[in-house]
């Protein structure tokens, strides 16, 4: 794949709402050429399923991540299980794994009791979901895909986004919830259409979006990429840590922040303390990064595991049930 397409994948995947005029200014190509190239990437499924990043913690929600194993033997079983999970109003994300676990599923709930109640419903109705591990997600750091480009100018466009953590729950007006509900299902919708579906005028829509962004409720709008079609290696590294103090943790976070192959970091409570998502166009880079990480932080890393992330089937940051309640 040519460097221009890698650049377009970077720009489009990091900002699904970027205009072709702005994109043209950055890459010095005509908007018409870029529109065509991006349409090809979308048609081929290399860029797919856009989604908004909302900070769920401002809604008083906790994020639980469940790793299932022994989920399926036949392909039809897999797709049935995935379809059922995607439709669940508490599920934020579903992705297929290769290794110790078969599926990763993320749930949002207001408290552990509610999560447990809904989770028990799922596993009791599906005998294939009988072996699992649960972790509580504390906070997530989302980094841009720096490995796709080498332009210093482009790399300054996006910074890390942090969602989750210790936030005060906020109250949202009916108009704000209406806008958020439309964006959840149609992330790249035009403002005029958004206004119509939310029952508001365009000026009000823009004001609401600016306000939600200023309050860090909205953290961006991205595309998923098909790592198999792009020939990208994607892994999740699980770390068990010890001898952890604030200074040492800060050093580790800085190290990961500066690594272009690190695209996400989750701090968790459970069998491990940290999950690090790595992507690279060069498979050997993943091995090198892990080796250097273990060498640099040998006093901190007590154990690790590595699993391939094969494909995403759903990615959102707010659960459907919030909007069912509004209706």
Protein backbone atom coordinates (compact mmCIF):
# COMPACT_ATOMS: atom_id res chain seq x y z
CA UNK A 1 0.00 0.00 0.00
CA UNK A 2 1.37 3.41 -0.94
CA UNK A 3 2.40 6.03 1.67
CA UNK A 4 -0.49 8.33 0.69
CA UNK A 5 -3.03 5.68 1.69
CA UNK A 6 -1.27 5.12 5.01
CA UNK A 7 -1.51 8.86 5.59
CA UNK A 8 -5.19 8.92 4.67
CA UNK A 9 -5.88 5.96 6.95
CA UNK A 10 -4.13 7.83 9.75
CA UNK A 11 -6.07 11.06 9.19
CA UNK A 12 -9.44 9.41 8.62
CA UNK A 13 -9.16 6.82 11.39
CA UNK A 14 -8.16 9.49 13.92
CA UNK A 15 -10.83 12.00 12.85
CA UNK A 16 -13.77 10.45 11.00
CA UNK A 17 -15.35 13.89 10.58
CA UNK A 18 -12.36 15.66 9.00
CA UNK A 19 -13.36 17.47 5.81
CA UNK A 20 -11.64 16.64 2.53
CA UNK A 21 -10.76 20.32 2.22
CA UNK A 22 -8.78 20.17 5.47
CA UNK A 23 -7.26 16.84 4.47
CA UNK A 24 -6.19 18.33 1.13
CA UNK A 25 -4.45 21.20 2.90
CA UNK A 26 -2.46 18.76 5.01
CA UNK A 27 -1.34 16.33 2.30
CA UNK A 28 -1.15 18.79 -0.62
CA UNK A 29 -3.53 16.82 -2.85
CA UNK A 30 -6.85 17.83 -4.38
CA UNK A 31 -10.03 17.13 -2.35
CA UNK A 32 -11.42 15.17 -5.31
CA UNK A 33 -8.46 12.76 -5.37
CA UNK A 34 -8.62 12.30 -1.61
CA UNK A 35 -12.36 11.73 -1.62
CA UNK A 36 -11.94 9.00 -4.22
CA UNK A 37 -9.05 7.33 -2.35
CA UNK A 38 -10.91 7.38 0.96
CA UNK A 39 -14.06 5.99 -0.69
CA UNK A 40 -11.98 3.06 -1.96
CA UNK A 41 -10.57 2.43 1.52
CA UNK A 42 -14.10 2.44 2.92
CA UNK A 43 -15.51 0.28 0.11
CA UNK A 44 -12.76 -2.29 0.67
CA UNK A 45 -13.52 -2.28 4.39
CA UNK A 46 -10.05 -1.11 5.43
CA UNK A 47 -11.78 1.80 7.17
CA UNK A 48 -15.08 0.74 8.72
CA UNK A 49 -17.59 1.29 11.53
CA UNK A 50 -16.93 4.87 12.68
CA UNK A 51 -17.55 5.59 16.35
CA UNK A 52 -17.53 8.49 18.79
CA UNK A 53 -15.34 8.41 21.87
CA UNK A 54 -17.51 9.49 24.79
CA UNK A 55 -16.19 9.56 28.33
CA UNK A 56 -18.63 7.15 29.94
CA UNK A 57 -17.40 8.00 33.45
CA UNK A 58 -19.26 11.35 33.34
CA UNK A 59 -22.46 9.30 33.08
CA UNK A 60 -21.68 7.52 36.35
CA UNK A 61 -20.72 4.31 34.55
CA UNK A 62 -18.08 1.66 35.21
CA UNK A 63 -16.46 -0.40 32.46
CA UNK A 64 -16.09 -4.15 32.89
CA UNK A 65 -14.08 -6.22 30.43
CA UNK A 66 -14.79 -9.94 30.10
CA UNK A 67 -12.51 -12.40 28.35
CA UNK A 68 -14.22 -15.60 27.21
CA UNK A 69 -12.53 -18.84 26.19
CA UNK A 70 -13.90 -22.06 24.76
CA UNK A 71 -16.65 -20.01 23.16
CA UNK A 72 -17.10 -21.90 19.92
CA UNK A 73 -16.01 -24.73 17.71
CA UNK A 74 -17.94 -23.95 14.54
CA UNK A 75 -17.96 -20.65 12.65
CA UNK A 76 -21.75 -20.46 12.86
CA UNK A 77 -21.57 -20.72 16.66
CA UNK A 78 -19.10 -17.85 16.77
CA UNK A 79 -21.22 -15.56 14.63
CA UNK A 80 -24.38 -16.36 16.60
CA UNK A 81 -22.67 -15.55 19.91
CA UNK A 82 -21.21 -12.33 18.51
CA UNK A 83 -24.57 -11.25 17.07
CA UNK A 84 -26.27 -11.78 20.46
CA UNK A 85 -23.57 -9.84 22.30
CA UNK A 86 -23.68 -6.94 19.83
CA UNK A 87 -27.39 -6.53 20.45
CA UNK A 88 -27.06 -6.41 24.24
CA UNK A 89 -27.79 -2.83 25.44
CA UNK A 90 -25.00 -2.95 28.05
CA UNK A 91 -22.24 -4.06 25.63
CA UNK A 92 -19.83 -1.43 24.33
CA UNK A 93 -17.37 -3.57 22.38
CA UNK A 94 -16.93 -7.07 21.00
CA UNK A 95 -13.69 -8.34 19.47
CA UNK A 96 -12.24 -11.69 18.48
CA UNK A 97 -8.97 -12.89 19.97
CA UNK A 98 -6.41 -15.54 19.09
CA UNK A 99 -4.66 -17.22 22.00
CA UNK A 100 -5.73 -17.98 25.54
CA UNK A 101 -9.10 -16.24 25.02
CA UNK A 102 -11.56 -16.26 22.13
CA UNK A 103 -13.57 -13.08 22.71
CA UNK A 104 -13.19 -9.78 24.51
CA UNK A 105 -16.43 -8.07 25.52
CA UNK A 106 -16.77 -4.69 27.25
CA UNK A 107 -19.78 -3.79 29.37
CA UNK A 108 -20.84 -0.47 30.89
CA UNK A 109 -23.00 -0.45 34.02
CA UNK A 110 -23.69 2.01 36.87
CA UNK A 111 -22.35 -0.36 39.54
CA UNK A 112 -20.95 -3.91 40.02
CA UNK A 113 -24.33 -5.25 41.14
CA UNK A 114 -26.07 -4.18 37.93
CA UNK A 115 -23.23 -5.56 35.81
CA UNK A 116 -23.38 -8.88 37.63
CA UNK A 117 -27.15 -9.11 37.15
CA UNK A 118 -26.98 -8.44 33.41
CA UNK A 119 -23.90 -10.61 32.93
CA UNK A 120 -25.58 -13.58 34.63
CA UNK A 121 -28.50 -13.24 32.23
CA UNK A 122 -26.11 -13.51 29.28
CA UNK A 123 -24.15 -16.54 30.45
CA UNK A 124 -27.21 -18.40 31.72
CA UNK A 125 -28.89 -18.10 28.31
CA UNK A 126 -25.79 -19.13 26.37
CA UNK A 127 -23.99 -22.34 27.42
CA UNK A 128 -21.01 -21.50 25.19
CA UNK A 129 -20.08 -18.58 27.48
CA UNK A 130 -19.10 -20.64 30.52
CA UNK A 131 -15.38 -19.93 30.93
CA UNK A 132 -14.29 -16.35 31.46
CA UNK A 133 -12.22 -13.80 33.34
CA UNK A 134 -13.49 -10.39 34.43
CA UNK A 135 -11.45 -7.23 34.93
CA UNK A 136 -12.58 -3.79 36.03
CA UNK A 137 -11.26 -1.05 33.76
CA UNK A 138 -10.03 1.94 35.74
CA UNK A 139 -8.90 4.29 33.00
CA UNK A 140 -8.00 4.11 29.29
CA UNK A 141 -5.36 6.08 27.41
CA UNK A 142 -6.03 6.21 23.66
CA UNK A 143 -3.07 7.15 21.44
CA UNK A 144 -2.99 8.08 17.73
CA UNK A 145 -1.64 5.51 15.25
CA UNK A 146 1.73 7.20 14.90
CA UNK A 147 3.29 4.16 13.25
CA UNK A 148 1.36 4.92 10.03
CA UNK A 149 3.06 8.24 9.27
CA UNK A 150 6.46 9.89 9.63
CA UNK A 151 5.39 13.51 9.11
CA UNK A 152 6.15 15.66 12.14
CA UNK A 153 3.35 18.04 11.16
CA UNK A 154 0.73 15.29 11.03
CA UNK A 155 1.89 13.75 14.30
CA UNK A 156 1.18 17.00 16.12
CA UNK A 157 -2.49 16.94 15.06
CA UNK A 158 -3.62 14.42 17.66
CA UNK A 159 -2.82 13.83 21.30
CA UNK A 160 -3.69 11.04 23.67
CA UNK A 161 -7.27 10.90 24.92
CA UNK A 162 -8.05 9.69 28.44
CA UNK A 163 -11.44 8.23 29.29
CA UNK A 164 -12.68 6.72 32.52
CA UNK A 165 -11.12 7.35 35.88
CA UNK A 166 -12.48 9.21 38.87
CA UNK A 167 -15.03 11.70 37.52
CA UNK A 168 -17.98 13.45 39.07
CA UNK A 169 -21.22 12.31 37.47
CA UNK A 170 -22.82 15.02 35.36
CA UNK A 171 -26.43 15.69 34.47
CA UNK A 172 -27.43 15.95 30.81
CA UNK A 173 -30.35 17.84 29.33
CA UNK A 174 -32.89 16.06 27.08
CA UNK A 175 -31.46 17.96 24.09
CA UNK A 176 -27.92 16.78 24.92
CA UNK A 177 -29.10 13.18 25.28
CA UNK A 178 -30.95 13.43 21.97
CA UNK A 179 -27.78 14.58 20.20
CA UNK A 180 -25.64 11.93 21.89
CA UNK A 181 -28.13 9.22 20.98
CA UNK A 182 -28.01 10.13 17.28
CA UNK A 183 -24.21 10.34 17.27
CA UNK A 184 -23.96 6.94 18.95
CA UNK A 185 -25.71 5.32 15.98
CA UNK A 186 -24.64 7.67 13.17
CA UNK A 187 -21.20 9.10 14.01
CA UNK A 188 -20.54 10.74 10.63
CA UNK A 189 -24.03 12.22 10.15
CA UNK A 190 -24.19 15.74 8.70
CA UNK A 191 -25.24 18.57 10.98
CA UNK A 192 -28.44 19.26 9.03
CA UNK A 193 -29.53 15.63 9.30
CA UNK A 194 -28.45 15.49 12.94
CA UNK A 195 -30.58 18.54 13.70
CA UNK A 196 -33.61 16.96 12.04
CA UNK A 197 -33.27 13.63 13.87
CA UNK A 198 -32.66 15.32 17.23
CA UNK A 199 -35.54 17.73 16.69
CA UNK A 200 -33.33 20.82 17.02
CA UNK A 201 -31.95 23.54 14.76
CA UNK A 202 -28.41 23.48 13.39
CA UNK A 203 -27.25 26.41 15.54
CA UNK A 204 -28.36 24.60 18.70
CA UNK A 205 -26.68 21.40 17.53
CA UNK A 206 -23.33 23.14 17.04
CA UNK A 207 -23.62 24.83 20.43
CA UNK A 208 -24.34 21.50 22.15
CA UNK A 209 -21.43 19.78 20.41
CA UNK A 210 -19.02 22.58 21.35
CA UNK A 211 -20.19 22.42 24.95
CA UNK A 212 -19.91 18.64 25.20
CA UNK A 213 -16.42 18.77 23.67
CA UNK A 214 -15.33 21.54 26.04
CA UNK A 215 -16.53 19.47 29.00
CA UNK A 216 -14.55 16.46 27.68
CA UNK A 217 -17.70 14.38 27.27
CA UNK A 218 -16.90 14.03 23.55
CA UNK A 219 -13.27 13.04 23.00
CA UNK A 220 -13.24 12.45 19.25
CA UNK A 221 -14.66 10.45 16.37
CA UNK A 222 -12.67 7.60 14.85
CA UNK A 223 -12.83 4.70 12.41
CA UNK A 224 -11.95 1.09 13.05
CA UNK A 225 -9.37 -0.30 10.66
CA UNK A 226 -9.28 -3.84 9.28
CA UNK A 227 -5.85 -4.87 10.43
CA UNK A 228 -5.94 -8.05 8.32
CA UNK A 229 -6.56 -6.18 5.04
CA UNK A 230 -3.98 -3.56 6.00
CA UNK A 231 -1.50 -6.29 7.00
CA UNK A 232 -1.09 -4.84 10.47
CA UNK A 233 -0.06 -6.93 13.46
CA UNK A 234 -2.27 -6.16 16.46
CA UNK A 235 -1.68 -7.60 19.93
CA UNK A 236 -2.75 -6.97 23.49
CA UNK A 237 -0.02 -7.23 26.10
CA UNK A 238 -1.18 -8.08 29.63
CA UNK A 239 1.11 -6.98 32.46
CA UNK A 240 1.16 -7.97 36.11
CA UNK A 241 3.09 -5.32 38.03
CA UNK A 242 4.77 -5.07 41.43
CA UNK A 243 6.99 -2.58 43.26
CA UNK A 244 4.73 0.08 41.79
CA UNK A 245 4.98 3.67 42.97
CA UNK A 246 3.86 6.96 41.44
CA UNK A 247 7.27 7.86 40.03
CA UNK A 248 7.90 4.45 38.48
CA UNK A 249 4.40 4.31 37.00
CA UNK A 250 4.84 7.79 35.51
CA UNK A 251 8.09 6.65 33.89
CA UNK A 252 6.34 3.62 32.38
CA UNK A 253 3.47 5.75 31.06
CA UNK A 254 5.91 8.20 29.46
CA UNK A 255 7.79 5.31 27.85
CA UNK A 256 4.58 3.88 26.36
CA UNK A 257 3.30 7.31 25.29
CA UNK A 258 6.47 7.87 23.25
CA UNK A 259 6.25 4.50 21.47
CA UNK A 260 4.47 4.89 18.09
CA UNK A 261 3.23 1.27 18.11
CA UNK A 262 1.28 1.71 21.36
CA UNK A 263 -2.29 2.71 20.48
CA UNK A 264 -4.10 2.06 23.77
CA UNK A 265 -3.38 1.45 27.42
CA UNK A 266 -5.90 0.20 29.99
CA UNK A 267 -5.30 0.31 33.73
CA UNK A 268 -7.27 -2.53 35.28
CA UNK A 269 -8.13 -4.36 38.48
CA UNK A 270 -8.13 -8.13 38.21
CA UNK A 271 -5.64 -10.82 37.18
CA UNK A 272 -3.39 -8.13 35.68
CA UNK A 273 -2.78 -4.43 36.20
CA UNK A 274 -2.31 -3.12 32.70
CA UNK A 275 -3.34 -3.98 29.14
CA UNK A 276 -1.35 -2.47 26.27
CA UNK A 277 -2.58 -2.60 22.66
CA UNK A 278 0.21 -2.69 20.10
CA UNK A 279 -0.07 -2.27 16.33
CA UNK A 280 2.68 -2.39 13.73
CA UNK A 281 3.24 -2.81 10.00
CA UNK A 282 6.30 -4.87 10.95
CA UNK A 283 5.57 -7.94 13.07
CA UNK A 284 9.12 -8.04 14.42
CA UNK A 285 8.57 -4.62 16.02
CA UNK A 286 6.08 -6.10 18.49
CA UNK A 287 8.64 -8.65 19.66
CA UNK A 288 11.29 -5.93 19.92
CA UNK A 289 9.04 -3.59 21.92
CA UNK A 290 8.11 -6.30 24.42
CA UNK A 291 11.75 -7.28 24.81
CA UNK A 292 12.81 -3.67 25.46
CA UNK A 293 9.88 -3.13 27.82
CA UNK A 294 10.82 -6.14 29.95
CA UNK A 295 14.46 -5.05 29.93
CA UNK A 296 13.75 -1.42 30.85
CA UNK A 297 11.18 -2.23 33.55
CA UNK A 298 12.40 -5.58 34.86
CA UNK A 299 11.87 -4.47 38.47
CA UNK A 300 8.26 -3.54 37.72
CA UNK A 301 6.95 -6.35 35.51
CA UNK A 302 6.08 -9.46 37.52
CA UNK A 303 4.46 -11.33 34.61
CA UNK A 304 3.00 -10.88 31.14
CA UNK A 305 0.87 -12.50 28.48
CA UNK A 306 0.40 -11.66 24.79
CA UNK A 307 -2.75 -12.25 22.74
CA UNK A 308 -3.57 -11.36 19.13
CA UNK A 309 -6.59 -9.15 18.50
CA UNK A 310 -8.01 -10.60 15.30
CA UNK A 311 -11.05 -8.44 14.53
CA UNK A 312 -13.54 -5.97 16.01
CA UNK A 313 -17.29 -6.51 15.63
CA UNK A 314 -18.48 -3.56 17.72
CA UNK A 315 -16.90 -0.43 19.21
CA UNK A 316 -18.83 2.22 21.12
CA UNK A 317 -18.31 4.19 24.33
CA UNK A 318 -21.87 4.57 25.63
CA UNK A 319 -24.39 1.78 26.21
CA UNK A 320 -27.71 1.63 24.40
CA UNK A 321 -29.72 1.30 27.59
CA UNK A 322 -29.05 4.95 28.49
CA UNK A 323 -31.05 6.06 25.48
CA UNK A 324 -33.74 3.44 25.89
CA UNK A 325 -34.38 4.99 29.32
CA UNK A 326 -34.58 8.46 27.74
CA UNK A 327 -37.17 7.23 25.25
